[in-house]
All heavy atoms as atom14 arrays in JSON, in Angstrom:
{
  "sequence": "MHATGEARRAALAPLVRAGHPTAVAIAVELLERGGRLERSTVIDLLAA",
  "atom14_mask": [
    [1, 1, 1, 1, 1, 1, 1, 1, 0, 0, 0, 0, 0, 0],
    [1, 1, 1, 1, 1, 1, 1, 1, 1, 1, 0, 0, 0, 0],
    [1, 1, 1, 1, 1, 0, 0, 0, 0, 0, 0, 0, 0, 0],
    [1, 1, 1, 1, 1, 1, 1, 0, 0, 0, 0, 0, 0, 0],
    [1, 1, 1, 1, 0, 0, 0, 0, 0, 0, 0, 0, 0, 0],
    [1, 1, 1, 1, 1, 1, 1, 1, 1, 0, 0, 0, 0, 0],
    [1, 1, 1, 1, 1, 0, 0, 0, 0, 0, 0, 0, 0, 0],
    [1, 1, 1, 1, 1, 1, 1, 1, 1, 1, 1, 0, 0, 0],
    [1, 1, 1, 1, 1, 1, 1, 1, 1, 1, 1, 0, 0, 0],
    [1, 1, 1, 1, 1, 0, 0, 0, 0, 0, 0, 0, 0, 0],
    [1, 1, 1, 1, 1, 0, 0, 0, 0, 0, 0, 0, 0, 0],
    [1, 1, 1, 1, 1, 1, 1, 1, 0, 0, 0, 0, 0, 0],
    [1, 1, 1, 1, 1, 0, 0, 0, 0, 0, 0, 0, 0, 0],
    [1, 1, 1, 1, 1, 1, 1, 0, 0, 0, 0, 0, 0, 0],
    [1, 1, 1, 1, 1, 1, 1, 1, 0, 0, 0, 0, 0, 0],
    [1, 1, 1, 1, 1, 1, 1, 0, 0, 0, 0, 0, 0, 0],
    [1, 1, 1, 1, 1, 1, 1, 1, 1, 1, 1, 0, 0, 0],
    [1, 1, 1, 1, 1, 0, 0, 0, 0, 0, 0, 0, 0, 0],
    [1, 1, 1, 1, 0, 0, 0, 0, 0, 0, 0, 0, 0, 0],
    [1, 1, 1, 1, 1, 1, 1, 1, 1, 1, 0, 0, 0, 0],
    [1, 1, 1, 1, 1, 1, 1, 0, 0, 0, 0, 0, 0, 0],
    [1, 1, 1, 1, 1, 1, 1, 0, 0, 0, 0, 0, 0, 0],
    [1, 1, 1, 1, 1, 0, 0, 0, 0, 0, 0, 0, 0, 0],
    [1, 1, 1, 1, 1, 1, 1, 0, 0, 0, 0, 0, 0, 0],
    [1, 1, 1, 1, 1, 0, 0, 0, 0, 0, 0, 0, 0, 0],
    [1, 1, 1, 1, 1, 1, 1, 1, 0, 0, 0, 0, 0, 0],
    [1, 1, 1, 1, 1, 0, 0, 0, 0, 0, 0, 0, 0, 0],
    [1, 1, 1, 1, 1, 1, 1, 0, 0, 0, 0, 0, 0, 0],
    [1, 1, 1, 1, 1, 1, 1, 1, 1, 0, 0, 0, 0, 0],
    [1, 1, 1, 1, 1, 1, 1, 1, 0, 0, 0, 0, 0, 0],
    [1, 1, 1, 1, 1, 1, 1, 1, 0, 0, 0, 0, 0, 0],
    [1, 1, 1, 1, 1, 1, 1, 1, 1, 0, 0, 0, 0, 0],
    [1, 1, 1, 1, 1, 1, 1, 1, 1, 1, 1, 0, 0, 0],
    [1, 1, 1, 1, 0, 0, 0, 0, 0, 0, 0, 0, 0, 0],
    [1, 1, 1, 1, 0, 0, 0, 0, 0, 0, 0, 0, 0, 0],
    [1, 1, 1, 1, 1, 1, 1, 1, 1, 1, 1, 0, 0, 0],
    [1, 1, 1, 1, 1, 1, 1, 1, 0, 0, 0, 0, 0, 0],
    [1, 1, 1, 1, 1, 1, 1, 1, 1, 0, 0, 0, 0, 0],
    [1, 1, 1, 1, 1, 1, 1, 1, 1, 1, 1, 0, 0, 0],
    [1, 1, 1, 1, 1, 1, 0, 0, 0, 0, 0, 0, 0, 0],
    [1, 1, 1, 1, 1, 1, 1, 0, 0, 0, 0, 0, 0, 0],
    [1, 1, 1, 1, 1, 1, 1, 0, 0, 0, 0, 0, 0, 0],
    [1, 1, 1, 1, 1, 1, 1, 1, 0, 0, 0, 0, 0, 0],
    [1, 1, 1, 1, 1, 1, 1, 1, 0, 0, 0, 0, 0, 0],
    [1, 1, 1, 1, 1, 1, 1, 1, 0, 0, 0, 0, 0, 0],
    [1, 1, 1, 1, 1, 1, 1, 1, 0, 0, 0, 0, 0, 0],
    [1, 1, 1, 1, 1, 0, 0, 0, 0, 0, 0, 0, 0, 0],
    [1, 1, 1, 1, 1, 0, 0, 0, 0, 0, 0, 0, 0, 0]
  ],
  "atom14_positions": [
    [[-0.49, -59.65, 18.91], [0.25, -58.88, 19.92], [1.61, -58.41, 19.4], [2.12, -57.37, 19.82], [0.47, -59.74, 21.17], [-0.82, -60.17, 21.85], [-1.76, -58.82, 22.56], [-0.7, -58.38, 23.92], [0.0, 0.0, 0.0], [0.0, 0.0, 0.0], [0.0, 0.0, 0.0], [0.0, 0.0, 0.0], [0.0, 0.0, 0.0], [0.0, 0.0, 0.0]],
    [[2.21, -59.16, 18.47], [3.59, -58.87, 18.1], [3.79, -58.51, 16.62], [4.84, -57.93, 16.28], [4.49, -60.07, 18.44], [4.5, -60.38, 19.92], [3.76, -61.42, 20.45], [5.12, -59.77, 20.97], [3.94, -61.44, 21.77], [4.77, -60.46, 22.1], [0.0, 0.0, 0.0], [0.0, 0.0, 0.0], [0.0, 0.0, 0.0], [0.0, 0.0, 0.0]],
    [[2.84, -58.86, 15.76], [3.0, -58.55, 14.33], [2.45, -57.15, 14.04], [1.86, -56.49, 14.89], [2.29, -59.6, 13.49], [0.0, 0.0, 0.0], [0.0, 0.0, 0.0], [0.0, 0.0, 0.0], [0.0, 0.0, 0.0], [0.0, 0.0, 0.0], [0.0, 0.0, 0.0], [0.0, 0.0, 0.0], [0.0, 0.0, 0.0], [0.0, 0.0, 0.0]],
    [[2.64, -56.73, 12.8], [2.11, -55.44, 12.35], [1.5, -55.63, 10.96], [1.66, -56.67, 10.32], [3.21, -54.38, 12.26], [4.22, -54.84, 11.36], [3.82, -54.1, 13.63], [0.0, 0.0, 0.0], [0.0, 0.0, 0.0], [0.0, 0.0, 0.0], [0.0, 0.0, 0.0], [0.0, 0.0, 0.0], [0.0, 0.0, 0.0], [0.0, 0.0, 0.0]],
    [[0.82, -54.6, 10.5], [0.31, -54.57, 9.13], [-0.7, -55.63, 8.82], [-1.55, -56.01, 9.65], [0.0, 0.0, 0.0], [0.0, 0.0, 0.0], [0.0, 0.0, 0.0], [0.0, 0.0, 0.0], [0.0, 0.0, 0.0], [0.0, 0.0, 0.0], [0.0, 0.0, 0.0], [0.0, 0.0, 0.0], [0.0, 0.0, 0.0], [0.0, 0.0, 0.0]],
    [[-0.59, -56.21, 7.61], [-1.57, -57.15, 7.12], [-1.61, -58.43, 7.96], [-2.68, -59.0, 8.18], [-1.27, -57.48, 5.65], [-2.3, -58.4, 4.98], [-3.7, -57.81, 5.01], [-3.84, -56.59, 4.85], [-4.66, -58.59, 5.18], [0.0, 0.0, 0.0], [0.0, 0.0, 0.0], [0.0, 0.0, 0.0], [0.0, 0.0, 0.0], [0.0, 0.0, 0.0]],
    [[-0.49, -58.88, 8.41], [-0.46, -60.1, 9.23], [-1.26, -59.92, 10.51], [-2.0, -60.81, 10.93], [0.99, -60.47, 9.57], [0.0, 0.0, 0.0], [0.0, 0.0, 0.0], [0.0, 0.0, 0.0], [0.0, 0.0, 0.0], [0.0, 0.0, 0.0], [0.0, 0.0, 0.0], [0.0, 0.0, 0.0], [0.0, 0.0, 0.0], [0.0, 0.0, 0.0]],
    [[-1.11, -58.76, 11.13], [-1.86, -58.49, 12.36], [-3.36, -58.44, 12.09], [-4.16, -59.01, 12.82], [-1.38, -57.16, 12.96], [-1.99, -56.86, 14.32], [-1.63, -55.46, 14.76], [-1.84, -55.28, 16.17], [-1.79, -54.12, 16.78], [-1.52, -53.01, 16.09], [-2.0, -54.03, 18.08], [0.0, 0.0, 0.0], [0.0, 0.0, 0.0], [0.0, 0.0, 0.0]],
    [[-3.74, -57.76, 11.02], [-5.16, -57.65, 10.7], [-5.76, -59.01, 10.37], [-6.88, -59.32, 10.76], [-5.36, -56.67, 9.54], [-5.09, -55.21, 9.9], [-5.56, -54.26, 8.82], [-4.76, -54.38, 7.6], [-3.65, -53.69, 7.39], [-3.2, -52.84, 8.3], [-2.98, -53.83, 6.25], [0.0, 0.0, 0.0], [0.0, 0.0, 0.0], [0.0, 0.0, 0.0]],
    [[-5.01, -59.83, 9.64], [-5.5, -61.16, 9.27], [-5.69, -62.04, 10.5], [-6.65, -62.82, 10.58], [-4.54, -61.82, 8.3], [0.0, 0.0, 0.0], [0.0, 0.0, 0.0], [0.0, 0.0, 0.0], [0.0, 0.0, 0.0], [0.0, 0.0, 0.0], [0.0, 0.0, 0.0], [0.0, 0.0, 0.0], [0.0, 0.0, 0.0], [0.0, 0.0, 0.0]],
    [[-4.8, -61.94, 11.47], [-4.93, -62.76, 12.68], [-6.05, -62.24, 13.58], [-6.71, -63.03, 14.29], [-3.59, -62.75, 13.44], [0.0, 0.0, 0.0], [0.0, 0.0, 0.0], [0.0, 0.0, 0.0], [0.0, 0.0, 0.0], [0.0, 0.0, 0.0], [0.0, 0.0, 0.0], [0.0, 0.0, 0.0], [0.0, 0.0, 0.0], [0.0, 0.0, 0.0]],
    [[-6.27, -60.95, 13.56], [-7.28, -60.35, 14.43], [-8.7, -60.71, 13.98], [-9.59, -60.91, 14.83], [-7.09, -58.83, 14.44], [-7.94, -58.03, 15.42], [-7.59, -58.4, 16.86], [-7.71, -56.53, 15.19], [0.0, 0.0, 0.0], [0.0, 0.0, 0.0], [0.0, 0.0, 0.0], [0.0, 0.0, 0.0], [0.0, 0.0, 0.0], [0.0, 0.0, 0.0]],
    [[-8.9, -60.81, 12.68], [-10.25, -60.96, 12.14], [-11.02, -62.15, 12.73], [-12.15, -61.98, 13.24], [-10.2, -61.05, 10.63], [0.0, 0.0, 0.0], [0.0, 0.0, 0.0], [0.0, 0.0, 0.0], [0.0, 0.0, 0.0], [0.0, 0.0, 0.0], [0.0, 0.0, 0.0], [0.0, 0.0, 0.0], [0.0, 0.0, 0.0], [0.0, 0.0, 0.0]],
    [[-10.51, -63.39, 12.68], [-11.3, -64.51, 13.19], [-11.53, -64.43, 14.69], [-12.58, -64.89, 15.19], [-10.46, -65.74, 12.81], [-9.07, -65.24, 12.67], [-9.2, -63.85, 12.15], [0.0, 0.0, 0.0], [0.0, 0.0, 0.0], [0.0, 0.0, 0.0], [0.0, 0.0, 0.0], [0.0, 0.0, 0.0], [0.0, 0.0, 0.0], [0.0, 0.0, 0.0]],
    [[-10.59, -63.84, 15.41], [-10.75, -63.74, 16.86], [-11.87, -62.77, 17.23], [-12.7, -63.05, 18.09], [-9.44, -63.29, 17.5], [-8.26, -64.28, 17.41], [-6.99, -63.63, 17.93], [-8.57, -65.57, 18.18], [0.0, 0.0, 0.0], [0.0, 0.0, 0.0], [0.0, 0.0, 0.0], [0.0, 0.0, 0.0], [0.0, 0.0, 0.0], [0.0, 0.0, 0.0]],
    [[-11.89, -61.63, 16.57], [-12.94, -60.64, 16.88], [-14.3, -61.17, 16.45], [-15.3, -61.02, 17.18], [-12.64, -59.3, 16.17], [-13.78, -58.31, 16.39], [-11.34, -58.72, 16.7], [0.0, 0.0, 0.0], [0.0, 0.0, 0.0], [0.0, 0.0, 0.0], [0.0, 0.0, 0.0], [0.0, 0.0, 0.0], [0.0, 0.0, 0.0], [0.0, 0.0, 0.0]],
    [[-14.37, -61.8, 15.31], [-15.67, -62.35, 14.85], [-16.17, -63.43, 15.78], [-17.38, -63.67, 15.88], [-15.53, -62.91, 13.43], [-15.31, -61.84, 12.37], [-15.57, -62.4, 10.98], [-15.27, -61.42, 9.95], [-14.16, -61.41, 9.22], [-13.24, -62.36, 9.41], [-13.96, -60.48, 8.32], [0.0, 0.0, 0.0], [0.0, 0.0, 0.0], [0.0, 0.0, 0.0]],
    [[-15.25, -64.1, 16.45], [-15.64, -65.14, 17.41], [-15.94, -64.56, 18.79], [-16.35, -65.29, 19.7], [-14.54, -66.2, 17.52], [0.0, 0.0, 0.0], [0.0, 0.0, 0.0], [0.0, 0.0, 0.0], [0.0, 0.0, 0.0], [0.0, 0.0, 0.0], [0.0, 0.0, 0.0], [0.0, 0.0, 0.0], [0.0, 0.0, 0.0], [0.0, 0.0, 0.0]],
    [[-15.68, -63.27, 18.99], [-15.96, -62.64, 20.26], [-14.88, -62.84, 21.31], [-15.14, -62.68, 22.51], [0.0, 0.0, 0.0], [0.0, 0.0, 0.0], [0.0, 0.0, 0.0], [0.0, 0.0, 0.0], [0.0, 0.0, 0.0], [0.0, 0.0, 0.0], [0.0, 0.0, 0.0], [0.0, 0.0, 0.0], [0.0, 0.0, 0.0], [0.0, 0.0, 0.0]],
    [[-13.67, -63.17, 20.91], [-12.57, -63.39, 21.85], [-12.34, -62.1, 22.64], [-12.05, -61.03, 22.05], [-11.3, -63.78, 21.09], [-10.19, -64.26, 21.96], [-9.45, -63.41, 22.76], [-9.68, -65.52, 22.17], [-8.54, -64.1, 23.41], [-8.65, -65.39, 23.08], [0.0, 0.0, 0.0], [0.0, 0.0, 0.0], [0.0, 0.0, 0.0], [0.0, 0.0, 0.0]],
    [[-12.45, -62.12, 23.97], [-12.41, -60.9, 24.77], [-11.16, -60.05, 24.55], [-11.24, -58.83, 24.39], [-12.51, -61.4, 26.2], [-13.12, -62.76, 26.1], [-12.65, -63.32, 24.8], [0.0, 0.0, 0.0], [0.0, 0.0, 0.0], [0.0, 0.0, 0.0], [0.0, 0.0, 0.0], [0.0, 0.0, 0.0], [0.0, 0.0, 0.0], [0.0, 0.0, 0.0]],
    [[-9.97, -60.69, 24.59], [-8.73, -59.92, 24.43], [-8.64, -59.31, 23.04], [-8.24, -58.15, 22.87], [-7.52, -60.83, 24.68], [-7.64, -61.43, 25.98], [-6.23, -60.04, 24.59], [0.0, 0.0, 0.0], [0.0, 0.0, 0.0], [0.0, 0.0, 0.0], [0.0, 0.0, 0.0], [0.0, 0.0, 0.0], [0.0, 0.0, 0.0], [0.0, 0.0, 0.0]],
    [[-9.02, -60.09, 22.02], [-8.97, -59.58, 20.64], [-9.95, -58.43, 20.46], [-9.66, -57.44, 19.79], [-9.29, -60.71, 19.66], [0.0, 0.0, 0.0], [0.0, 0.0, 0.0], [0.0, 0.0, 0.0], [0.0, 0.0, 0.0], [0.0, 0.0, 0.0], [0.0, 0.0, 0.0], [0.0, 0.0, 0.0], [0.0, 0.0, 0.0], [0.0, 0.0, 0.0]],
    [[-11.13, -58.56, 21.05], [-12.12, -57.48, 20.95], [-11.58, -56.22, 21.61], [-11.72, -55.11, 21.09], [-13.46, -57.91, 21.58], [-14.39, -56.72, 21.74], [-14.12, -58.99, 20.73], [0.0, 0.0, 0.0], [0.0, 0.0, 0.0], [0.0, 0.0, 0.0], [0.0, 0.0, 0.0], [0.0, 0.0, 0.0], [0.0, 0.0, 0.0], [0.0, 0.0, 0.0]],
    [[-10.93, -56.37, 22.77], [-10.36, -55.22, 23.46], [-9.29, -54.55, 22.59], [-9.2, -53.31, 22.54], [-9.77, -55.65, 24.8], [0.0, 0.0, 0.0], [0.0, 0.0, 0.0], [0.0, 0.0, 0.0], [0.0, 0.0, 0.0], [0.0, 0.0, 0.0], [0.0, 0.0, 0.0], [0.0, 0.0, 0.0], [0.0, 0.0, 0.0], [0.0, 0.0, 0.0]],
    [[-8.46, -55.34, 21.94], [-7.44, -54.79, 21.05], [-8.1, -54.05, 19.88], [-7.67, -52.95, 19.48], [-6.51, -55.9, 20.54], [-5.69, -56.45, 21.7], [-5.6, -55.4, 19.43], [-4.88, -57.69, 21.36], [0.0, 0.0, 0.0], [0.0, 0.0, 0.0], [0.0, 0.0, 0.0], [0.0, 0.0, 0.0], [0.0, 0.0, 0.0], [0.0, 0.0, 0.0]],
    [[-9.17, -54.65, 19.31], [-9.86, -54.02, 18.2], [-10.48, -52.7, 18.62], [-10.47, -51.71, 17.88], [-10.93, -54.97, 17.65], [0.0, 0.0, 0.0], [0.0, 0.0, 0.0], [0.0, 0.0, 0.0], [0.0, 0.0, 0.0], [0.0, 0.0, 0.0], [0.0, 0.0, 0.0], [0.0, 0.0, 0.0], [0.0, 0.0, 0.0], [0.0, 0.0, 0.0]],
    [[-11.05, -52.68, 19.82], [-11.63, -51.43, 20.33], [-10.54, -50.37, 20.49], [-10.74, -49.19, 20.17], [-12.36, -51.69, 21.67], [-12.75, -50.36, 22.33], [-13.59, -52.56, 21.43], [0.0, 0.0, 0.0], [0.0, 0.0, 0.0], [0.0, 0.0, 0.0], [0.0, 0.0, 0.0], [0.0, 0.0, 0.0], [0.0, 0.0, 0.0], [0.0, 0.0, 0.0]],
    [[-9.39, -50.79, 20.97], [-8.26, -49.86, 21.1], [-7.86, -49.29, 19.74], [-7.58, -48.08, 19.61], [-7.09, -50.59, 21.75], [-5.84, -49.75, 21.95], [-5.98, -48.71, 23.07], [-6.93, -48.81, 23.87], [-5.14, -47.79, 23.13], [0.0, 0.0, 0.0], [0.0, 0.0, 0.0], [0.0, 0.0, 0.0], [0.0, 0.0, 0.0], [0.0, 0.0, 0.0]],
    [[-7.83, -50.15, 18.74], [-7.49, -49.68, 17.39], [-8.57, -48.75, 16.85], [-8.28, -47.79, 16.13], [-7.32, -50.88, 16.45], [-6.1, -51.77, 16.7], [-6.16, -53.01, 15.82], [-4.82, -50.98, 16.45], [0.0, 0.0, 0.0], [0.0, 0.0, 0.0], [0.0, 0.0, 0.0], [0.0, 0.0, 0.0], [0.0, 0.0, 0.0], [0.0, 0.0, 0.0]],
    [[-9.82, -49.05, 17.17], [-10.92, -48.18, 16.76], [-10.74, -46.78, 17.34], [-11.03, -45.77, 16.67], [-12.25, -48.79, 17.22], [-13.52, -47.97, 16.93], [-13.77, -47.88, 15.43], [-14.72, -48.59, 17.63], [0.0, 0.0, 0.0], [0.0, 0.0, 0.0], [0.0, 0.0, 0.0], [0.0, 0.0, 0.0], [0.0, 0.0, 0.0], [0.0, 0.0, 0.0]],
    [[-10.27, -46.72, 18.57], [-10.12, -45.45, 19.26], [-8.85, -44.7, 18.84], [-8.88, -43.48, 18.67], [-10.09, -45.67, 20.78], [-11.34, -46.31, 21.36], [-12.51, -45.35, 21.41], [-12.26, -44.13, 21.26], [-13.65, -45.8, 21.6], [0.0, 0.0, 0.0], [0.0, 0.0, 0.0], [0.0, 0.0, 0.0], [0.0, 0.0, 0.0], [0.0, 0.0, 0.0]],
    [[-7.76, -45.44, 18.65], [-6.48, -44.76, 18.49], [-5.66, -45.23, 17.28], [-4.55, -44.74, 17.08], [-5.62, -44.99, 19.76], [-6.23, -44.36, 21.0], [-5.33, -44.56, 22.23], [-5.9, -43.9, 23.38], [-6.85, -44.4, 24.17], [-7.34, -45.6, 23.89], [-7.32, -43.73, 25.2], [0.0, 0.0, 0.0], [0.0, 0.0, 0.0], [0.0, 0.0, 0.0]],
    [[-6.17, -46.16, 16.53], [-5.41, -46.67, 15.39], [-5.4, -45.72, 14.21], [-6.07, -44.68, 14.19], [0.0, 0.0, 0.0], [0.0, 0.0, 0.0], [0.0, 0.0, 0.0], [0.0, 0.0, 0.0], [0.0, 0.0, 0.0], [0.0, 0.0, 0.0], [0.0, 0.0, 0.0], [0.0, 0.0, 0.0], [0.0, 0.0, 0.0], [0.0, 0.0, 0.0]],
    [[-4.62, -46.09, 13.2], [-4.59, -45.31, 11.97], [-5.85, -45.48, 11.15], [-6.72, -46.31, 11.47], [0.0, 0.0, 0.0], [0.0, 0.0, 0.0], [0.0, 0.0, 0.0], [0.0, 0.0, 0.0], [0.0, 0.0, 0.0], [0.0, 0.0, 0.0], [0.0, 0.0, 0.0], [0.0, 0.0, 0.0], [0.0, 0.0, 0.0], [0.0, 0.0, 0.0]],
    [[-5.96, -44.74, 10.1], [-7.18, -44.73, 9.28], [-7.49, -46.13, 8.74], [-8.63, -46.58, 8.81], [-7.01, -43.74, 8.12], [-8.24, -43.59, 7.22], [-7.91, -42.67, 6.06], [-9.07, -42.48, 5.21], [-9.94, -41.5, 5.37], [-9.82, -40.64, 6.37], [-10.97, -41.38, 4.55], [0.0, 0.0, 0.0], [0.0, 0.0, 0.0], [0.0, 0.0, 0.0]],
    [[-6.47, -46.83, 8.2], [-6.7, -48.16, 7.63], [-7.11, -49.15, 8.72], [-8.02, -49.97, 8.53], [-5.45, -48.65, 6.92], [-5.5, -50.06, 6.31], [-6.63, -50.15, 5.3], [-4.17, -50.43, 5.66], [0.0, 0.0, 0.0], [0.0, 0.0, 0.0], [0.0, 0.0, 0.0], [0.0, 0.0, 0.0], [0.0, 0.0, 0.0], [0.0, 0.0, 0.0]],
    [[-6.46, -49.07, 9.88], [-6.8, -49.98, 10.97], [-8.21, -49.74, 11.48], [-8.96, -50.68, 11.75], [-5.79, -49.81, 12.12], [-4.41, -50.36, 11.78], [-3.41, -50.12, 12.9], [-3.4, -49.0, 13.45], [-2.64, -51.06, 13.22], [0.0, 0.0, 0.0], [0.0, 0.0, 0.0], [0.0, 0.0, 0.0], [0.0, 0.0, 0.0], [0.0, 0.0, 0.0]],
    [[-8.58, -48.47, 11.58], [-9.95, -48.17, 12.03], [-10.98, -48.7, 11.04], [-11.98, -49.3, 11.44], [-10.12, -46.67, 12.21], [-9.37, -46.08, 13.4], [-9.94, -44.71, 13.79], [-9.95, -43.78, 12.69], [-8.95, -42.97, 12.37], [-7.84, -43.01, 13.08], [-9.04, -42.14, 11.35], [0.0, 0.0, 0.0], [0.0, 0.0, 0.0], [0.0, 0.0, 0.0]],
    [[-10.73, -48.5, 9.77], [-11.67, -49.0, 8.75], [-11.81, -50.5, 8.82], [-12.9, -51.05, 8.64], [-11.21, -48.59, 7.35], [-11.23, -47.18, 7.2], [0.0, 0.0, 0.0], [0.0, 0.0, 0.0], [0.0, 0.0, 0.0], [0.0, 0.0, 0.0], [0.0, 0.0, 0.0], [0.0, 0.0, 0.0], [0.0, 0.0, 0.0], [0.0, 0.0, 0.0]],
    [[-10.69, -51.2, 9.06], [-10.73, -52.66, 9.14], [-11.53, -53.15, 10.34], [-12.37, -54.04, 10.23], [-9.3, -53.22, 9.19], [-8.58, -52.81, 8.03], [-9.31, -54.74, 9.27], [0.0, 0.0, 0.0], [0.0, 0.0, 0.0], [0.0, 0.0, 0.0], [0.0, 0.0, 0.0], [0.0, 0.0, 0.0], [0.0, 0.0, 0.0], [0.0, 0.0, 0.0]],
    [[-11.26, -52.57, 11.51], [-11.9, -53.1, 12.72], [-13.35, -52.71, 12.84], [-14.11, -53.35, 13.57], [-11.12, -52.68, 13.99], [-9.71, -53.23, 13.95], [-11.13, -51.17, 14.19], [0.0, 0.0, 0.0], [0.0, 0.0, 0.0], [0.0, 0.0, 0.0], [0.0, 0.0, 0.0], [0.0, 0.0, 0.0], [0.0, 0.0, 0.0], [0.0, 0.0, 0.0]],
    [[-13.79, -51.68, 12.13], [-15.21, -51.29, 12.19], [-16.08, -52.46, 11.76], [-17.04, -52.85, 12.43], [-15.48, -50.04, 11.34], [-14.98, -48.8, 12.07], [-16.98, -49.9, 11.04], [-15.03, -47.54, 11.22], [0.0, 0.0, 0.0], [0.0, 0.0, 0.0], [0.0, 0.0, 0.0], [0.0, 0.0, 0.0], [0.0, 0.0, 0.0], [0.0, 0.0, 0.0]],
    [[-15.77, -53.04, 10.6], [-16.57, -54.17, 10.11], [-16.41, -55.4, 11.0], [-17.37, -56.16, 11.21], [-16.18, -54.51, 8.67], [-16.65, -53.46, 7.68], [-17.69, -52.82, 7.94], [-15.97, -53.26, 6.66], [0.0, 0.0, 0.0], [0.0, 0.0, 0.0], [0.0, 0.0, 0.0], [0.0, 0.0, 0.0], [0.0, 0.0, 0.0], [0.0, 0.0, 0.0]],
    [[-15.2, -55.62, 11.53], [-14.99, -56.76, 12.42], [-15.8, -56.64, 13.7], [-16.46, -57.58, 14.14], [-13.5, -56.88, 12.78], [-12.53, -57.21, 11.64], [-11.11, -57.27, 12.18], [-12.9, -58.54, 10.98], [0.0, 0.0, 0.0], [0.0, 0.0, 0.0], [0.0, 0.0, 0.0], [0.0, 0.0, 0.0], [0.0, 0.0, 0.0], [0.0, 0.0, 0.0]],
    [[-15.8, -55.46, 14.29], [-16.54, -55.25, 15.53], [-18.04, -55.33, 15.29], [-18.8, -55.83, 16.14], [-16.17, -53.9, 16.14], [-14.76, -53.8, 16.73], [-14.41, -52.35, 17.06], [-14.64, -54.67, 17.98], [0.0, 0.0, 0.0], [0.0, 0.0, 0.0], [0.0, 0.0, 0.0], [0.0, 0.0, 0.0], [0.0, 0.0, 0.0], [0.0, 0.0, 0.0]],
    [[-18.49, -54.84, 14.13], [-19.93, -54.91, 13.83], [-20.39, -56.36, 13.73], [-21.53, -56.68, 14.11], [-20.23, -54.17, 12.53], [0.0, 0.0, 0.0], [0.0, 0.0, 0.0], [0.0, 0.0, 0.0], [0.0, 0.0, 0.0], [0.0, 0.0, 0.0], [0.0, 0.0, 0.0], [0.0, 0.0, 0.0], [0.0, 0.0, 0.0], [0.0, 0.0, 0.0]],
    [[-19.53, -57.25, 13.25], [-19.89, -58.65, 13.07], [-19.64, -59.48, 14.33], [-20.01, -60.66, 14.39], [-19.12, -59.26, 11.91], [0.0, 0.0, 0.0], [0.0, 0.0, 0.0], [0.0, 0.0, 0.0], [0.0, 0.0, 0.0], [0.0, 0.0, 0.0], [0.0, 0.0, 0.0], [0.0, 0.0, 0.0], [0.0, 0.0, 0.0], [0.0, 0.0, 0.0]]
  ]
}
């Protein structure tokens, strides 16, 4: 919620893979409106 860049992506990964509802919602938001690197990162996370 508060970090940016690599730290944010690293924290998001285990939560999305575990299906955490809030984390998944954030990942979906990044998929829709995030930058190119963020979209590329969350695509694989959401798929898993």
